[in-house]
Amino acid sequence: MIKSCAFTGHRYELKDFDAELLERVIKNLIISGVVIFYCGMAVGFDLAAAECVISLKKNYDVKLIACVPCEGQSDSYSGHDKIRYKRILDNSDEQILLSSHYFNGCMQARDRFMVDNSNVLVYFLRKDEGGTFYTVNYARKKELKIIGL
């Protein structure tokens, strides 16, 4: 069975986010056999995790799959984050568009898709509400290995 990992985390509450810890966790997952990484492409933690995987692709045979919840996901992103988003899409091994349009619940559908296709969830959670909280709980119900940062 191919081992895979999904990422979920806050968009804006990244005060104590540690990029070096994230890199160590991803390297350890690669060493343990994880070869596919799913990213939901949201600003904040998602983009940081994707950039980390892209940097590690230079030394490891891993794949990054960009899971885009709907067309126009990055329309409201800042100019800087739009550039990051495009760079990540350009450097991903596969892009999965889950819906041609936005609908209420499309972000959760993306999160469930990533969890349903993964063995591990790496998350950055600092409050017990919102999409990251939902995704971590969904992963627990699915009995995934979960790693909190």
N, C-alpha and C. Protein backbone atom coordinates (compact mmCIF):
# COMPACT_ATOMS: atom_id res chain seq x y z
N MET A 1 0.84 -1.19 0.00
CA MET A 1 0.00 0.00 0.00
C MET A 1 0.88 1.25 0.00
N ILE A 2 0.55 2.20 -0.85
CA ILE A 2 1.29 3.45 -0.91
C ILE A 2 0.91 4.29 0.29
N LYS A 3 1.92 4.81 0.98
CA LYS A 3 1.67 5.66 2.14
C LYS A 3 1.53 7.11 1.69
N SER A 4 0.52 7.77 2.26
CA SER A 4 0.28 9.16 1.89
C SER A 4 -0.10 9.98 3.12
N CYS A 5 0.08 11.29 2.98
CA CYS A 5 -0.13 12.22 4.07
C CYS A 5 -0.91 13.42 3.57
N ALA A 6 -1.83 13.91 4.38
CA ALA A 6 -2.56 15.14 4.09
C ALA A 6 -2.17 16.20 5.11
N PHE A 7 -2.32 17.45 4.72
CA PHE A 7 -2.05 18.58 5.60
C PHE A 7 -3.32 19.37 5.86
N THR A 8 -3.46 19.90 7.07
CA THR A 8 -4.52 20.85 7.37
C THR A 8 -4.03 21.79 8.46
N GLY A 9 -4.43 23.03 8.36
CA GLY A 9 -4.00 24.00 9.36
C GLY A 9 -4.65 25.35 9.16
N HIS A 10 -4.43 26.20 10.13
CA HIS A 10 -5.05 27.52 10.10
C HIS A 10 -4.54 28.36 8.94
N ARG A 11 -5.39 29.28 8.54
CA ARG A 11 -5.02 30.19 7.45
C ARG A 11 -4.25 31.38 7.97
N TYR A 12 -4.68 31.94 9.07
CA TYR A 12 -4.10 33.21 9.50
C TYR A 12 -3.49 33.18 10.90
N GLU A 13 -3.84 32.24 11.72
CA GLU A 13 -3.34 32.18 13.10
C GLU A 13 -2.07 31.35 13.16
N LEU A 14 -0.97 31.93 12.68
CA LEU A 14 0.28 31.19 12.57
C LEU A 14 1.38 31.76 13.46
N LYS A 15 0.98 32.39 14.57
CA LYS A 15 1.95 33.05 15.45
C LYS A 15 3.09 32.13 15.87
N ASP A 16 2.77 30.93 16.31
CA ASP A 16 3.81 30.03 16.81
C ASP A 16 4.11 28.89 15.83
N PHE A 17 3.83 29.11 14.55
CA PHE A 17 4.14 28.11 13.54
C PHE A 17 5.65 27.96 13.41
N ASP A 18 6.14 26.73 13.38
CA ASP A 18 7.57 26.43 13.31
C ASP A 18 7.86 25.67 12.01
N ALA A 19 8.37 26.38 11.01
CA ALA A 19 8.64 25.78 9.70
C ALA A 19 9.71 24.69 9.79
N GLU A 20 10.66 24.85 10.69
CA GLU A 20 11.71 23.83 10.84
C GLU A 20 11.14 22.54 11.41
N LEU A 21 10.21 22.65 12.35
CA LEU A 21 9.54 21.46 12.89
C LEU A 21 8.75 20.77 11.78
N LEU A 22 8.03 21.54 10.98
CA LEU A 22 7.28 20.96 9.87
C LEU A 22 8.21 20.18 8.94
N GLU A 23 9.34 20.76 8.60
CA GLU A 23 10.29 20.08 7.72
C GLU A 23 10.80 18.78 8.34
N ARG A 24 11.12 18.80 9.63
CA ARG A 24 11.58 17.58 10.31
C ARG A 24 10.49 16.50 10.29
N VAL A 25 9.25 16.90 10.54
CA VAL A 25 8.14 15.93 10.53
C VAL A 25 7.99 15.32 9.13
N ILE A 26 8.02 16.16 8.10
CA ILE A 26 7.86 15.65 6.73
C ILE A 26 9.02 14.73 6.38
N LYS A 27 10.25 15.10 6.73
CA LYS A 27 11.40 14.23 6.45
C LYS A 27 11.23 12.87 7.15
N ASN A 28 10.79 12.89 8.40
CA ASN A 28 10.58 11.63 9.13
C ASN A 28 9.49 10.79 8.47
N LEU A 29 8.45 11.44 7.97
CA LEU A 29 7.41 10.69 7.26
C LEU A 29 7.95 10.06 5.99
N ILE A 30 8.77 10.80 5.26
CA ILE A 30 9.39 10.26 4.04
C ILE A 30 10.26 9.06 4.39
N ILE A 31 11.05 9.18 5.42
CA ILE A 31 11.92 8.08 5.85
C ILE A 31 11.08 6.86 6.24
N SER A 32 9.89 7.11 6.80
CA SER A 32 9.02 5.99 7.20
C SER A 32 8.22 5.42 6.03
N GLY A 33 8.36 5.99 4.83
CA GLY A 33 7.71 5.42 3.66
C GLY A 33 6.62 6.24 3.00
N VAL A 34 6.32 7.41 3.51
CA VAL A 34 5.30 8.25 2.87
C VAL A 34 5.87 8.81 1.57
N VAL A 35 5.11 8.65 0.48
CA VAL A 35 5.59 9.12 -0.82
C VAL A 35 4.64 10.13 -1.49
N ILE A 36 3.42 10.25 -0.98
CA ILE A 36 2.44 11.18 -1.57
C ILE A 36 1.96 12.13 -0.49
N PHE A 37 1.94 13.42 -0.83
CA PHE A 37 1.48 14.46 0.09
C PHE A 37 0.34 15.23 -0.57
N TYR A 38 -0.79 15.31 0.14
CA TYR A 38 -1.97 16.04 -0.33
C TYR A 38 -2.03 17.40 0.36
N CYS A 39 -2.22 18.44 -0.44
CA CYS A 39 -2.33 19.79 0.10
C CYS A 39 -3.62 20.43 -0.39
N GLY A 40 -4.36 21.06 0.52
CA GLY A 40 -5.63 21.69 0.19
C GLY A 40 -5.52 23.09 -0.39
N MET A 41 -4.32 23.64 -0.46
CA MET A 41 -4.01 24.88 -1.18
C MET A 41 -4.61 26.14 -0.56
N ALA A 42 -4.99 26.11 0.70
CA ALA A 42 -5.46 27.31 1.39
C ALA A 42 -4.26 28.14 1.82
N VAL A 43 -4.47 29.44 2.00
CA VAL A 43 -3.38 30.29 2.49
C VAL A 43 -2.99 29.82 3.89
N GLY A 44 -1.83 30.23 4.34
CA GLY A 44 -1.37 29.88 5.67
C GLY A 44 -0.63 28.55 5.68
N PHE A 45 -1.05 27.67 6.58
CA PHE A 45 -0.35 26.41 6.79
C PHE A 45 -0.28 25.56 5.52
N ASP A 46 -1.37 25.47 4.77
CA ASP A 46 -1.38 24.62 3.57
C ASP A 46 -0.27 25.01 2.60
N LEU A 47 -0.19 26.29 2.28
CA LEU A 47 0.82 26.73 1.32
C LEU A 47 2.23 26.51 1.87
N ALA A 48 2.42 26.75 3.16
CA ALA A 48 3.73 26.52 3.77
C ALA A 48 4.11 25.04 3.69
N ALA A 49 3.18 24.15 3.95
CA ALA A 49 3.45 22.71 3.88
C ALA A 49 3.78 22.30 2.46
N ALA A 50 3.04 22.82 1.49
CA ALA A 50 3.31 22.49 0.09
C ALA A 50 4.69 22.97 -0.33
N GLU A 51 5.06 24.18 0.08
CA GLU A 51 6.39 24.69 -0.26
C GLU A 51 7.49 23.84 0.36
N CYS A 52 7.25 23.34 1.55
CA CYS A 52 8.22 22.46 2.21
C CYS A 52 8.39 21.16 1.42
N VAL A 53 7.29 20.57 1.00
CA VAL A 53 7.37 19.33 0.21
C VAL A 53 8.11 19.59 -1.10
N ILE A 54 7.80 20.71 -1.75
CA ILE A 54 8.48 21.03 -3.01
C ILE A 54 9.98 21.15 -2.80
N SER A 55 10.39 21.78 -1.71
CA SER A 55 11.84 21.91 -1.45
C SER A 55 12.47 20.54 -1.19
N LEU A 56 11.74 19.64 -0.57
CA LEU A 56 12.28 18.30 -0.28
C LEU A 56 12.28 17.38 -1.50
N LYS A 57 11.49 17.72 -2.51
CA LYS A 57 11.45 16.90 -3.74
C LYS A 57 12.81 16.88 -4.44
N LYS A 58 13.66 17.86 -4.14
CA LYS A 58 14.99 17.89 -4.75
C LYS A 58 15.84 16.70 -4.28
N ASN A 59 15.57 16.23 -3.07
CA ASN A 59 16.38 15.16 -2.49
C ASN A 59 15.63 13.85 -2.26
N TYR A 60 14.33 13.88 -2.39
CA TYR A 60 13.52 12.68 -2.11
C TYR A 60 12.53 12.45 -3.26
N ASP A 61 12.23 11.19 -3.51
CA ASP A 61 11.29 10.82 -4.56
C ASP A 61 9.87 10.80 -3.98
N VAL A 62 9.29 11.99 -3.86
CA VAL A 62 7.94 12.13 -3.31
C VAL A 62 7.09 12.94 -4.29
N LYS A 63 5.78 12.87 -4.10
CA LYS A 63 4.85 13.59 -4.97
C LYS A 63 3.99 14.52 -4.14
N LEU A 64 3.70 15.68 -4.72
CA LEU A 64 2.78 16.63 -4.12
C LEU A 64 1.54 16.68 -4.99
N ILE A 65 0.39 16.46 -4.36
CA ILE A 65 -0.89 16.54 -5.07
C ILE A 65 -1.66 17.74 -4.52
N ALA A 66 -1.94 18.70 -5.39
CA ALA A 66 -2.69 19.90 -5.03
C ALA A 66 -4.17 19.59 -5.14
N CYS A 67 -4.88 19.66 -4.03
CA CYS A 67 -6.32 19.37 -3.99
C CYS A 67 -7.07 20.69 -3.94
N VAL A 68 -7.54 21.12 -5.08
CA VAL A 68 -8.22 22.41 -5.22
C VAL A 68 -9.72 22.18 -5.02
N PRO A 69 -10.32 22.82 -4.01
CA PRO A 69 -11.72 22.54 -3.70
C PRO A 69 -12.69 23.02 -4.78
N CYS A 70 -12.34 24.14 -5.46
CA CYS A 70 -13.24 24.70 -6.47
C CYS A 70 -12.47 25.67 -7.35
N GLU A 71 -13.00 25.90 -8.54
CA GLU A 71 -12.43 26.93 -9.42
C GLU A 71 -12.42 28.25 -8.67
N GLY A 72 -11.38 29.03 -8.88
CA GLY A 72 -11.33 30.36 -8.29
C GLY A 72 -10.92 30.37 -6.83
N GLN A 73 -10.37 29.28 -6.31
CA GLN A 73 -10.00 29.22 -4.90
C GLN A 73 -9.12 30.40 -4.50
N SER A 74 -8.19 30.79 -5.36
CA SER A 74 -7.22 31.82 -4.98
C SER A 74 -7.65 33.24 -5.36
N ASP A 75 -8.87 33.41 -5.85
CA ASP A 75 -9.32 34.73 -6.30
C ASP A 75 -9.20 35.81 -5.23
N SER A 76 -9.44 35.47 -3.98
CA SER A 76 -9.41 36.47 -2.92
C SER A 76 -8.06 36.53 -2.20
N TYR A 77 -7.08 35.74 -2.63
CA TYR A 77 -5.77 35.74 -2.01
C TYR A 77 -5.04 37.06 -2.30
N SER A 78 -4.11 37.42 -1.44
CA SER A 78 -3.27 38.59 -1.68
C SER A 78 -2.41 38.34 -2.92
N GLY A 79 -1.84 39.38 -3.46
CA GLY A 79 -0.97 39.23 -4.63
C GLY A 79 0.17 38.27 -4.35
N HIS A 80 0.79 38.40 -3.18
CA HIS A 80 1.90 37.52 -2.80
C HIS A 80 1.44 36.06 -2.72
N ASP A 81 0.28 35.82 -2.10
CA ASP A 81 -0.20 34.44 -1.98
C ASP A 81 -0.67 33.88 -3.31
N LYS A 82 -1.16 34.71 -4.21
CA LYS A 82 -1.51 34.23 -5.56
C LYS A 82 -0.27 33.73 -6.30
N ILE A 83 0.84 34.44 -6.13
CA ILE A 83 2.10 34.02 -6.76
C ILE A 83 2.55 32.69 -6.16
N ARG A 84 2.49 32.57 -4.84
CA ARG A 84 2.85 31.31 -4.18
C ARG A 84 1.96 30.17 -4.67
N TYR A 85 0.66 30.42 -4.72
CA TYR A 85 -0.32 29.42 -5.15
C TYR A 85 0.02 28.91 -6.55
N LYS A 86 0.27 29.82 -7.48
CA LYS A 86 0.59 29.42 -8.85
C LYS A 86 1.90 28.64 -8.90
N ARG A 87 2.90 29.08 -8.14
CA ARG A 87 4.18 28.38 -8.12
C ARG A 87 4.00 26.95 -7.59
N ILE A 88 3.16 26.81 -6.57
CA ILE A 88 2.91 25.47 -6.02
C ILE A 88 2.18 24.60 -7.04
N LEU A 89 1.16 25.15 -7.70
CA LEU A 89 0.47 24.38 -8.73
C LEU A 89 1.44 23.95 -9.83
N ASP A 90 2.30 24.88 -10.25
CA ASP A 90 3.27 24.58 -11.31
C ASP A 90 4.26 23.50 -10.90
N ASN A 91 4.53 23.37 -9.60
CA ASN A 91 5.50 22.39 -9.10
C ASN A 91 4.86 21.15 -8.49
N SER A 92 3.54 21.08 -8.53
CA SER A 92 2.88 19.88 -8.01
C SER A 92 2.93 18.78 -9.07
N ASP A 93 2.82 17.54 -8.63
CA ASP A 93 2.86 16.42 -9.55
C ASP A 93 1.49 16.12 -10.14
N GLU A 94 0.47 16.57 -9.44
CA GLU A 94 -0.90 16.36 -9.90
C GLU A 94 -1.77 17.43 -9.27
N GLN A 95 -2.80 17.83 -10.01
CA GLN A 95 -3.79 18.77 -9.49
C GLN A 95 -5.16 18.12 -9.60
N ILE A 96 -5.87 18.11 -8.48
CA ILE A 96 -7.21 17.54 -8.47
C ILE A 96 -8.19 18.67 -8.18
N LEU A 97 -9.06 18.95 -9.13
CA LEU A 97 -10.10 19.95 -8.95
C LEU A 97 -11.36 19.21 -8.52
N LEU A 98 -11.81 19.49 -7.29
CA LEU A 98 -12.93 18.72 -6.73
C LEU A 98 -14.29 19.26 -7.12
N SER A 99 -14.38 20.52 -7.51
CA SER A 99 -15.66 21.08 -7.96
C SER A 99 -15.38 22.22 -8.94
N SER A 100 -16.21 22.32 -9.96
CA SER A 100 -16.06 23.40 -10.94
C SER A 100 -16.55 24.74 -10.39
N HIS A 101 -17.24 24.71 -9.27
CA HIS A 101 -17.77 25.95 -8.69
C HIS A 101 -17.78 25.85 -7.16
N TYR A 102 -17.80 27.02 -6.53
CA TYR A 102 -17.90 27.06 -5.07
C TYR A 102 -19.31 26.67 -4.64
N PHE A 103 -19.42 25.93 -3.57
CA PHE A 103 -20.71 25.66 -2.93
C PHE A 103 -20.45 25.54 -1.43
N ASN A 104 -21.47 25.78 -0.64
CA ASN A 104 -21.35 25.66 0.81
C ASN A 104 -20.98 24.21 1.15
N GLY A 105 -19.81 24.02 1.72
CA GLY A 105 -19.36 22.67 2.05
C GLY A 105 -18.26 22.15 1.13
N CYS A 106 -17.88 22.91 0.10
CA CYS A 106 -16.86 22.38 -0.82
C CYS A 106 -15.49 22.26 -0.15
N MET A 107 -15.20 23.12 0.81
CA MET A 107 -13.92 23.02 1.51
C MET A 107 -13.88 21.74 2.36
N GLN A 108 -14.99 21.42 3.01
CA GLN A 108 -15.06 20.20 3.81
C GLN A 108 -15.00 18.96 2.91
N ALA A 109 -15.60 19.05 1.72
CA ALA A 109 -15.52 17.93 0.78
C ALA A 109 -14.07 17.68 0.37
N ARG A 110 -13.32 18.76 0.14
CA ARG A 110 -11.89 18.65 -0.16
C ARG A 110 -11.15 17.99 1.01
N ASP A 111 -11.45 18.44 2.23
CA ASP A 111 -10.78 17.89 3.41
C ASP A 111 -11.07 16.40 3.57
N ARG A 112 -12.32 16.01 3.37
CA ARG A 112 -12.67 14.59 3.47
C ARG A 112 -11.95 13.78 2.39
N PHE A 113 -11.87 14.31 1.18
CA PHE A 113 -11.15 13.63 0.10
C PHE A 113 -9.70 13.37 0.50
N MET A 114 -9.05 14.39 1.04
CA MET A 114 -7.64 14.23 1.41
C MET A 114 -7.48 13.20 2.51
N VAL A 115 -8.32 13.26 3.54
CA VAL A 115 -8.25 12.29 4.64
C VAL A 115 -8.56 10.88 4.14
N ASP A 116 -9.57 10.76 3.30
CA ASP A 116 -9.97 9.45 2.78
C ASP A 116 -8.87 8.79 1.94
N ASN A 117 -7.96 9.59 1.42
CA ASN A 117 -6.89 9.07 0.58
C ASN A 117 -5.52 9.06 1.27
N SER A 118 -5.51 9.24 2.58
CA SER A 118 -4.25 9.33 3.32
C SER A 118 -4.17 8.34 4.46
N ASN A 119 -2.95 8.08 4.90
CA ASN A 119 -2.69 7.26 6.07
C ASN A 119 -2.34 8.12 7.27
N VAL A 120 -1.90 9.36 7.00
CA VAL A 120 -1.41 10.26 8.04
C VAL A 120 -1.98 11.65 7.80
N LEU A 121 -2.28 12.36 8.89
CA LEU A 121 -2.67 13.77 8.80
C LEU A 121 -1.71 14.58 9.66
N VAL A 122 -1.07 15.57 9.04
CA VAL A 122 -0.23 16.52 9.78
C VAL A 122 -1.04 17.80 9.89
N TYR A 123 -1.19 18.30 11.13
CA TYR A 123 -2.05 19.46 11.31
C TYR A 123 -1.43 20.51 12.21
N PHE A 124 -1.91 21.74 12.03
CA PHE A 124 -1.55 22.88 12.86
C PHE A 124 -2.86 23.48 13.34
N LEU A 125 -3.21 23.20 14.60
CA LEU A 125 -4.51 23.58 15.16
C LEU A 125 -4.31 24.32 16.47
N ARG A 126 -4.94 25.50 16.58
CA ARG A 126 -4.84 26.29 17.79
C ARG A 126 -6.19 26.70 18.37
N LYS A 127 -7.30 26.30 17.72
CA LYS A 127 -8.62 26.60 18.27
C LYS A 127 -9.57 25.46 17.90
N ASP A 128 -10.51 25.21 18.78
CA ASP A 128 -11.42 24.08 18.62
C ASP A 128 -12.67 24.48 17.84
N GLU A 129 -12.46 25.00 16.63
CA GLU A 129 -13.56 25.33 15.73
C GLU A 129 -12.99 25.51 14.34
N GLY A 130 -13.84 25.51 13.35
CA GLY A 130 -13.41 25.77 11.98
C GLY A 130 -13.00 24.53 11.22
N GLY A 131 -12.50 24.78 10.01
CA GLY A 131 -12.18 23.70 9.08
C GLY A 131 -11.08 22.77 9.55
N THR A 132 -10.05 23.31 10.17
CA THR A 132 -8.96 22.45 10.64
C THR A 132 -9.46 21.53 11.76
N PHE A 133 -10.24 22.08 12.67
CA PHE A 133 -10.81 21.28 13.76
C PHE A 133 -11.70 20.17 13.19
N TYR A 134 -12.53 20.52 12.21
CA TYR A 134 -13.39 19.54 11.53
C TYR A 134 -12.54 18.41 10.92
N THR A 135 -11.48 18.79 10.22
CA THR A 135 -10.66 17.81 9.51
C THR A 135 -9.92 16.89 10.48
N VAL A 136 -9.39 17.44 11.55
CA VAL A 136 -8.70 16.61 12.55
C VAL A 136 -9.68 15.60 13.15
N ASN A 137 -10.88 16.05 13.48
CA ASN A 137 -11.87 15.12 14.04
C ASN A 137 -12.29 14.06 13.03
N TYR A 138 -12.42 14.44 11.77
CA TYR A 138 -12.76 13.48 10.73
C TYR A 138 -11.65 12.43 10.61
N ALA A 139 -10.40 12.87 10.67
CA ALA A 139 -9.27 11.94 10.59
C ALA A 139 -9.25 10.99 11.79
N ARG A 140 -9.60 11.52 12.96
CA ARG A 140 -9.66 10.65 14.14
C ARG A 140 -10.72 9.56 13.95
N LYS A 141 -11.89 9.95 13.43
CA LYS A 141 -12.96 8.96 13.19
C LYS A 141 -12.52 7.91 12.18
N LYS A 142 -11.70 8.31 11.23
CA LYS A 142 -11.19 7.37 10.21
C LYS A 142 -9.97 6.61 10.69
N GLU A 143 -9.54 6.91 11.93
CA GLU A 143 -8.42 6.23 12.58
C GLU A 143 -7.10 6.42 11.84
N LEU A 144 -6.89 7.60 11.28
CA LEU A 144 -5.60 7.94 10.69
C LEU A 144 -4.60 8.23 11.79
N LYS A 145 -3.35 8.03 11.48
CA LYS A 145 -2.29 8.54 12.37
C LYS A 145 -2.33 10.05 12.22
N ILE A 146 -2.34 10.75 13.35
CA ILE A 146 -2.37 12.22 13.28
C ILE A 146 -1.18 12.79 14.03
N ILE A 147 -0.61 13.84 13.44
CA ILE A 147 0.57 14.49 14.01
C ILE A 147 0.29 15.97 14.12
N GLY A 148 0.20 16.46 15.35
CA GLY A 148 -0.04 17.88 15.59
C GLY A 148 1.26 18.63 15.76
N LEU A 149 1.31 19.82 15.20
CA LEU A 149 2.50 20.68 15.32
C LEU A 149 2.23 21.81 16.28
